[in-house]
Amino acid sequence: MESTKRSIAKAVSWRILATIITAVIVYLLTGKMDFAAKVGLADTTLKFLVYFGHERMWNRIPYGRDEKQPEYFI
């Protein structure tokens, strides 16, 4: 299971990349840098929260995980 810190780090790194992509697309479509920045910020805030919640929920779902084997047998 991942730690909360790891989930936060993953969410932040992904959102930085995704925000840049969103802002560039909005800028290319509108030519307005201030509007692109506002859309990027709104997009980041909402999607960061959704992604973090999604990650934490998946940590509770055992689907696709291997059962942890003991390090040794007696």
PDB file of N, CA and C in Angstrom:
ATOM      1  N   MET A   1       0.848  -1.176   0.000  1.00  0.00           N
ATOM      2  CA  MET A   1       0.000   0.000   0.000  1.00  0.00           C
ATOM      3  C   MET A   1       0.895   1.241   0.000  1.00  0.00           C
ATOM      4  N   GLU A   2       0.512   2.224  -0.762  1.00  0.00           N
ATOM      5  CA  GLU A   2       1.288   3.460  -0.836  1.00  0.00           C
ATOM      6  C   GLU A   2       0.996   4.360   0.360  1.00  0.00           C
ATOM      7  N   SER A   3       1.990   5.138   0.714  1.00  0.00           N
ATOM      8  CA  SER A   3       1.794   6.099   1.790  1.00  0.00           C
ATOM      9  C   SER A   3       1.042   7.319   1.259  1.00  0.00           C
ATOM     10  N   THR A   4       0.485   8.086   2.166  1.00  0.00           N
ATOM     11  CA  THR A   4      -0.198   9.323   1.788  1.00  0.00           C
ATOM     12  C   THR A   4       0.787  10.288   1.140  1.00  0.00           C
ATOM     13  N   LYS A   5       2.011  10.360   1.656  1.00  0.00           N
ATOM     14  CA  LYS A   5       3.021  11.249   1.075  1.00  0.00           C
ATOM     15  C   LYS A   5       3.313  10.883  -0.376  1.00  0.00           C
ATOM     16  N   ARG A   6       3.416   9.598  -0.666  1.00  0.00           N
ATOM     17  CA  ARG A   6       3.679   9.158  -2.037  1.00  0.00           C
ATOM     18  C   ARG A   6       2.511   9.535  -2.945  1.00  0.00           C
ATOM     19  N   SER A   7       1.290   9.333  -2.477  1.00  0.00           N
ATOM     20  CA  SER A   7       0.117   9.709  -3.282  1.00  0.00           C
ATOM     21  C   SER A   7       0.111  11.211  -3.567  1.00  0.00           C
ATOM     22  N   ILE A   8       0.476  12.013  -2.572  1.00  0.00           N
ATOM     23  CA  ILE A   8       0.529  13.466  -2.771  1.00  0.00           C
ATOM     24  C   ILE A   8       1.614  13.821  -3.790  1.00  0.00           C
ATOM     25  N   ALA A   9       2.794  13.226  -3.662  1.00  0.00           N
ATOM     26  CA  ALA A   9       3.889  13.517  -4.594  1.00  0.00           C
ATOM     27  C   ALA A   9       3.508  13.141  -6.024  1.00  0.00           C
ATOM     28  N   LYS A  10       2.874  12.001  -6.202  1.00  0.00           N
ATOM     29  CA  LYS A  10       2.446  11.584  -7.533  1.00  0.00           C
ATOM     30  C   LYS A  10       1.395  12.540  -8.095  1.00  0.00           C
ATOM     31  N   ALA A  11       0.446  12.930  -7.262  1.00  0.00           N
ATOM     32  CA  ALA A  11      -0.603  13.845  -7.708  1.00  0.00           C
ATOM     33  C   ALA A  11      -0.018  15.191  -8.112  1.00  0.00           C
ATOM     34  N   VAL A  12       0.924  15.712  -7.327  1.00  0.00           N
ATOM     35  CA  VAL A  12       1.527  17.016  -7.633  1.00  0.00           C
ATOM     36  C   VAL A  12       2.316  16.949  -8.929  1.00  0.00           C
ATOM     37  N   SER A  13       3.148  15.923  -9.098  1.00  0.00           N
ATOM     38  CA  SER A  13       3.961  15.838 -10.315  1.00  0.00           C
ATOM     39  C   SER A  13       3.097  15.695 -11.569  1.00  0.00           C
ATOM     40  N   TRP A  14       2.052  14.899 -11.470  1.00  0.00           N
ATOM     41  CA  TRP A  14       1.155  14.745 -12.616  1.00  0.00           C
ATOM     42  C   TRP A  14       0.419  16.047 -12.916  1.00  0.00           C
ATOM     43  N   ARG A  15      -0.051  16.726 -11.878  1.00  0.00           N
ATOM     44  CA  ARG A  15      -0.822  17.953 -12.103  1.00  0.00           C
ATOM     45  C   ARG A  15       0.035  19.050 -12.708  1.00  0.00           C
ATOM     46  N   ILE A  16       1.296  19.126 -12.368  1.00  0.00           N
ATOM     47  CA  ILE A  16       2.168  20.129 -12.980  1.00  0.00           C
ATOM     48  C   ILE A  16       2.215  19.908 -14.484  1.00  0.00           C
ATOM     49  N   LEU A  17       2.458  18.680 -14.887  1.00  0.00           N
ATOM     50  CA  LEU A  17       2.509  18.364 -16.315  1.00  0.00           C
ATOM     51  C   LEU A  17       1.162  18.611 -16.993  1.00  0.00           C
ATOM     52  N   ALA A  18       0.093  18.155 -16.387  1.00  0.00           N
ATOM     53  CA  ALA A  18      -1.240  18.310 -16.975  1.00  0.00           C
ATOM     54  C   ALA A  18      -1.661  19.773 -17.050  1.00  0.00           C
ATOM     55  N   THR A  19      -1.290  20.586 -16.065  1.00  0.00           N
ATOM     56  CA  THR A  19      -1.623  22.006 -16.079  1.00  0.00           C
ATOM     57  C   THR A  19      -0.935  22.715 -17.229  1.00  0.00           C
ATOM     58  N   ILE A  20       0.313  22.392 -17.450  1.00  0.00           N
ATOM     59  CA  ILE A  20       1.042  22.996 -18.571  1.00  0.00           C
ATOM     60  C   ILE A  20       0.361  22.645 -19.888  1.00  0.00           C
ATOM     61  N   ILE A  21      -0.022  21.395 -20.052  1.00  0.00           N
ATOM     62  CA  ILE A  21      -0.703  20.970 -21.276  1.00  0.00           C
ATOM     63  C   ILE A  21      -2.022  21.719 -21.452  1.00  0.00           C
ATOM     64  N   THR A  22      -2.818  21.801 -20.392  1.00  0.00           N
ATOM     65  CA  THR A  22      -4.108  22.494 -20.460  1.00  0.00           C
ATOM     66  C   THR A  22      -3.926  23.969 -20.796  1.00  0.00           C
ATOM     67  N   ALA A  23      -3.006  24.626 -20.109  1.00  0.00           N
ATOM     68  CA  ALA A  23      -2.788  26.057 -20.352  1.00  0.00           C
ATOM     69  C   ALA A  23      -2.314  26.315 -21.779  1.00  0.00           C
ATOM     70  N   VAL A  24      -1.442  25.471 -22.290  1.00  0.00           N
ATOM     71  CA  VAL A  24      -0.957  25.641 -23.671  1.00  0.00           C
ATOM     72  C   VAL A  24      -2.105  25.469 -24.666  1.00  0.00           C
ATOM     73  N   ILE A  25      -2.937  24.480 -24.447  1.00  0.00           N
ATOM     74  CA  ILE A  25      -4.080  24.269 -25.356  1.00  0.00           C
ATOM     75  C   ILE A  25      -5.021  25.463 -25.323  1.00  0.00           C
ATOM     76  N   VAL A  26      -5.348  25.953 -24.128  1.00  0.00           N
ATOM     77  CA  VAL A  26      -6.249  27.104 -24.005  1.00  0.00           C
ATOM     78  C   VAL A  26      -5.621  28.331 -24.664  1.00  0.00           C
ATOM     79  N   TYR A  27      -4.330  28.537 -24.452  1.00  0.00           N
ATOM     80  CA  TYR A  27      -3.646  29.678 -25.078  1.00  0.00           C
ATOM     81  C   TYR A  27      -3.667  29.564 -26.598  1.00  0.00           C
ATOM     82  N   LEU A  28      -3.399  28.376 -27.124  1.00  0.00           N
ATOM     83  CA  LEU A  28      -3.409  28.191 -28.580  1.00  0.00           C
ATOM     84  C   LEU A  28      -4.803  28.421 -29.169  1.00  0.00           C
ATOM     85  N   LEU A  29      -5.838  28.071 -28.421  1.00  0.00           N
ATOM     86  CA  LEU A  29      -7.204  28.249 -28.912  1.00  0.00           C
ATOM     87  C   LEU A  29      -7.707  29.679 -28.785  1.00  0.00           C
ATOM     88  N   THR A  30      -7.267  30.383 -27.729  1.00  0.00           N
ATOM     89  CA  THR A  30      -7.808  31.718 -27.478  1.00  0.00           C
ATOM     90  C   THR A  30      -6.808  32.841 -27.707  1.00  0.00           C
ATOM     91  N   GLY A  31      -5.514  32.549 -27.571  1.00  0.00           N
ATOM     92  CA  GLY A  31      -4.491  33.590 -27.683  1.00  0.00           C
ATOM     93  C   GLY A  31      -4.434  34.500 -26.461  1.00  0.00           C
ATOM     94  N   LYS A  32      -5.109  34.115 -25.384  1.00  0.00           N
ATOM     95  CA  LYS A  32      -5.164  34.940 -24.171  1.00  0.00           C
ATOM     96  C   LYS A  32      -4.430  34.238 -23.029  1.00  0.00           C
ATOM     97  N   MET A  33      -3.282  34.783 -22.666  1.00  0.00           N
ATOM     98  CA  MET A  33      -2.460  34.162 -21.630  1.00  0.00           C
ATOM     99  C   MET A  33      -3.132  34.202 -20.262  1.00  0.00           C
ATOM    100  N   ASP A  34      -3.767  35.323 -19.905  1.00  0.00           N
ATOM    101  CA  ASP A  34      -4.401  35.413 -18.590  1.00  0.00           C
ATOM    102  C   ASP A  34      -5.550  34.418 -18.458  1.00  0.00           C
ATOM    103  N   PHE A  35      -6.313  34.248 -19.521  1.00  0.00           N
ATOM    104  CA  PHE A  35      -7.413  33.278 -19.497  1.00  0.00           C
ATOM    105  C   PHE A  35      -6.858  31.854 -19.402  1.00  0.00           C
ATOM    106  N   ALA A  36      -5.794  31.584 -20.132  1.00  0.00           N
ATOM    107  CA  ALA A  36      -5.166  30.266 -20.096  1.00  0.00           C
ATOM    108  C   ALA A  36      -4.663  29.952 -18.687  1.00  0.00           C
ATOM    109  N   ALA A  37      -4.083  30.937 -18.016  1.00  0.00           N
ATOM    110  CA  ALA A  37      -3.584  30.735 -16.654  1.00  0.00           C
ATOM    111  C   ALA A  37      -4.729  30.463 -15.678  1.00  0.00           C
ATOM    112  N   LYS A  38      -5.844  31.183 -15.835  1.00  0.00           N
ATOM    113  CA  LYS A  38      -7.003  30.969 -14.951  1.00  0.00           C
ATOM    114  C   LYS A  38      -7.602  29.585 -15.158  1.00  0.00           C
ATOM    115  N   VAL A  39      -7.730  29.176 -16.403  1.00  0.00           N
ATOM    116  CA  VAL A  39      -8.262  27.842 -16.685  1.00  0.00           C
ATOM    117  C   VAL A  39      -7.313  26.779 -16.137  1.00  0.00           C
ATOM    118  N   GLY A  40      -6.003  26.977 -16.324  1.00  0.00           N
ATOM    119  CA  GLY A  40      -5.018  26.035 -15.802  1.00  0.00           C
ATOM    120  C   GLY A  40      -5.097  25.897 -14.297  1.00  0.00           C
ATOM    121  N   LEU A  41      -5.254  27.019 -13.597  1.00  0.00           N
ATOM    122  CA  LEU A  41      -5.348  26.991 -12.139  1.00  0.00           C
ATOM    123  C   LEU A  41      -6.627  26.288 -11.668  1.00  0.00           C
ATOM    124  N   ALA A  42      -7.746  26.613 -12.281  1.00  0.00           N
ATOM    125  CA  ALA A  42      -9.011  25.970 -11.910  1.00  0.00           C
ATOM    126  C   ALA A  42      -8.956  24.466 -12.194  1.00  0.00           C
ATOM    127  N   ASP A  43      -8.415  24.113 -13.345  1.00  0.00           N
ATOM    128  CA  ASP A  43      -8.278  22.713 -13.740  1.00  0.00           C
ATOM    129  C   ASP A  43      -7.406  21.961 -12.738  1.00  0.00           C
ATOM    130  N   THR A  44      -6.292  22.559 -12.364  1.00  0.00           N
ATOM    131  CA  THR A  44      -5.364  21.920 -11.435  1.00  0.00           C
ATOM    132  C   THR A  44      -5.991  21.703 -10.067  1.00  0.00           C
ATOM    133  N   THR A  45      -6.636  22.708  -9.552  1.00  0.00           N
ATOM    134  CA  THR A  45      -7.229  22.603  -8.219  1.00  0.00           C
ATOM    135  C   THR A  45      -8.248  21.473  -8.153  1.00  0.00           C
ATOM    136  N   LEU A  46      -9.165  21.455  -9.102  1.00  0.00           N
ATOM    137  CA  LEU A  46     -10.208  20.437  -9.094  1.00  0.00           C
ATOM    138  C   LEU A  46      -9.635  19.046  -9.342  1.00  0.00           C
ATOM    139  N   LYS A  47      -8.814  18.917 -10.358  1.00  0.00           N
ATOM    140  CA  LYS A  47      -8.313  17.593 -10.708  1.00  0.00           C
ATOM    141  C   LYS A  47      -7.311  17.051  -9.695  1.00  0.00           C
ATOM    142  N   PHE A  48      -6.586  17.911  -9.008  1.00  0.00           N
ATOM    143  CA  PHE A  48      -5.698  17.436  -7.950  1.00  0.00           C
ATOM    144  C   PHE A  48      -6.502  16.736  -6.866  1.00  0.00           C
ATOM    145  N   LEU A  49      -7.571  17.362  -6.450  1.00  0.00           N
ATOM    146  CA  LEU A  49      -8.402  16.786  -5.393  1.00  0.00           C
ATOM    147  C   LEU A  49      -9.052  15.476  -5.843  1.00  0.00           C
ATOM    148  N   VAL A  50      -9.532  15.440  -7.071  1.00  0.00           N
ATOM    149  CA  VAL A  50     -10.166  14.230  -7.582  1.00  0.00           C
ATOM    150  C   VAL A  50      -9.137  13.101  -7.709  1.00  0.00           C
ATOM    151  N   TYR A  51      -7.948  13.414  -8.241  1.00  0.00           N
ATOM    152  CA  TYR A  51      -6.908  12.396  -8.403  1.00  0.00           C
ATOM    153  C   TYR A  51      -6.462  11.846  -7.056  1.00  0.00           C
ATOM    154  N   PHE A  52      -6.252  12.703  -6.092  1.00  0.00           N
ATOM    155  CA  PHE A  52      -5.819  12.257  -4.771  1.00  0.00           C
ATOM    156  C   PHE A  52      -6.854  11.309  -4.161  1.00  0.00           C
ATOM    157  N   GLY A  53      -8.119  11.690  -4.233  1.00  0.00           N
ATOM    158  CA  GLY A  53      -9.177  10.827  -3.720  1.00  0.00           C
ATOM    159  C   GLY A  53      -9.229   9.494  -4.454  1.00  0.00           C
ATOM    160  N   HIS A  54      -9.049   9.535  -5.755  1.00  0.00           N
ATOM    161  CA  HIS A  54      -9.035   8.327  -6.570  1.00  0.00           C
ATOM    162  C   HIS A  54      -7.898   7.397  -6.152  1.00  0.00           C
ATOM    163  N   GLU A  55      -6.713   7.939  -5.964  1.00  0.00           N
ATOM    164  CA  GLU A  55      -5.560   7.151  -5.518  1.00  0.00           C
ATOM    165  C   GLU A  55      -5.819   6.509  -4.164  1.00  0.00           C
ATOM    166  N   ARG A  56      -6.357   7.282  -3.238  1.00  0.00           N
ATOM    167  CA  ARG A  56      -6.592   6.758  -1.895  1.00  0.00           C
ATOM    168  C   ARG A  56      -7.673   5.672  -1.915  1.00  0.00           C
ATOM    169  N   MET A  57      -8.683   5.823  -2.754  1.00  0.00           N
ATOM    170  CA  MET A  57      -9.716   4.797  -2.857  1.00  0.00           C
ATOM    171  C   MET A  57      -9.125   3.506  -3.423  1.00  0.00           C
ATOM    172  N   TRP A  58      -8.277   3.613  -4.457  1.00  0.00           N
ATOM    173  CA  TRP A  58      -7.679   2.424  -5.053  1.00  0.00           C
ATOM    174  C   TRP A  58      -6.756   1.708  -4.073  1.00  0.00           C
ATOM    175  N   ASN A  59      -6.198   2.404  -3.104  1.00  0.00           N
ATOM    176  CA  ASN A  59      -5.377   1.730  -2.100  1.00  0.00           C
ATOM    177  C   ASN A  59      -6.201   0.778  -1.243  1.00  0.00           C
ATOM    178  N   ARG A  60      -7.495   0.959  -1.207  1.00  0.00           N
ATOM    179  CA  ARG A  60      -8.377   0.096  -0.419  1.00  0.00           C
ATOM    180  C   ARG A  60      -8.912  -1.086  -1.223  1.00  0.00           C
ATOM    181  N   ILE A  61      -8.658  -1.103  -2.513  1.00  0.00           N
ATOM    182  CA  ILE A  61      -9.181  -2.148  -3.394  1.00  0.00           C
ATOM    183  C   ILE A  61      -8.069  -3.159  -3.671  1.00  0.00           C
ATOM    184  N   PRO A  62      -8.287  -4.422  -3.339  1.00  0.00           N
ATOM    185  CA  PRO A  62      -7.230  -5.411  -3.515  1.00  0.00           C
ATOM    186  C   PRO A  62      -7.067  -5.909  -4.954  1.00  0.00           C
ATOM    187  N   TYR A  63      -7.943  -5.529  -5.842  1.00  0.00           N
ATOM    188  CA  TYR A  63      -7.910  -6.025  -7.220  1.00  0.00           C
ATOM    189  C   TYR A  63      -6.526  -5.833  -7.860  1.00  0.00           C
ATOM    190  N   GLY A  64      -5.985  -6.900  -8.418  1.00  0.00           N
ATOM    191  CA  GLY A  64      -4.733  -6.831  -9.154  1.00  0.00           C
ATOM    192  C   GLY A  64      -3.466  -6.846  -8.321  1.00  0.00           C
ATOM    193  N   ARG A  65      -3.607  -6.931  -7.027  1.00  0.00           N
ATOM    194  CA  ARG A  65      -2.431  -6.978  -6.151  1.00  0.00           C
ATOM    195  C   ARG A  65      -2.066  -8.421  -5.854  1.00  0.00           C
ATOM    196  N   ASP A  66      -0.775  -8.657  -5.760  1.00  0.00           N
ATOM    197  CA  ASP A  66      -0.308  -9.961  -5.309  1.00  0.00           C
ATOM    198  C   ASP A  66      -0.388  -9.991  -3.795  1.00  0.00           C
ATOM    199  N   GLU A  67      -0.750 -11.148  -3.278  1.00  0.00           N
ATOM    200  CA  GLU A  67      -0.763 -11.266  -1.824  1.00  0.00           C
ATOM    201  C   GLU A  67       0.663 -11.198  -1.325  1.00  0.00           C
ATOM    202  N   LYS A  68       0.879 -10.437  -0.286  1.00  0.00           N
ATOM    203  CA  LYS A  68       2.224 -10.303   0.269  1.00  0.00           C
ATOM    204  C   LYS A  68       2.618 -11.608   0.945  1.00  0.00           C
ATOM    205  N   GLN A  69       3.741 -12.139   0.518  1.00  0.00           N
ATOM    206  CA  GLN A  69       4.254 -13.372   1.092  1.00  0.00           C
ATOM    207  C   GLN A  69       5.164 -13.041   2.276  1.00  0.00           C
ATOM    208  N   PRO A  70       5.170 -13.888   3.282  1.00  0.00           N
ATOM    209  CA  PRO A  70       6.095 -13.661   4.403  1.00  0.00           C
ATOM    210  C   PRO A  70       7.529 -13.762   3.910  1.00  0.00           C
ATOM    211  N   GLU A  71       8.429 -13.054   4.585  1.00  0.00           N
ATOM    212  CA  GLU A  71       9.828 -13.053   4.189  1.00  0.00           C
ATOM    213  C   GLU A  71      10.486 -14.408   4.407  1.00  0.00           C
ATOM    214  N   TYR A  72       9.956 -15.190   5.317  1.00  0.00           N
ATOM    215  CA  TYR A  72      10.526 -16.509   5.576  1.00  0.00           C
ATOM    216  C   TYR A  72       9.430 -17.417   6.139  1.00  0.00           C
ATOM    217  N   PHE A  73       9.671 -18.684   6.022  1.00  0.00           N
ATOM    218  CA  PHE A  73       8.756 -19.685   6.571  1.00  0.00           C
ATOM    219  C   PHE A  73       9.477 -20.458   7.653  1.00  0.00           C
ATOM    220  N   ILE A  74       8.737 -20.874   8.663  1.00  0.00           N
ATOM    221  CA  ILE A  74       9.327 -21.688   9.737  1.00  0.00           C
ATOM    222  C   ILE A  74       8.862 -23.101   9.577  1.00  0.00           C
TER     223      ILE A  74
END
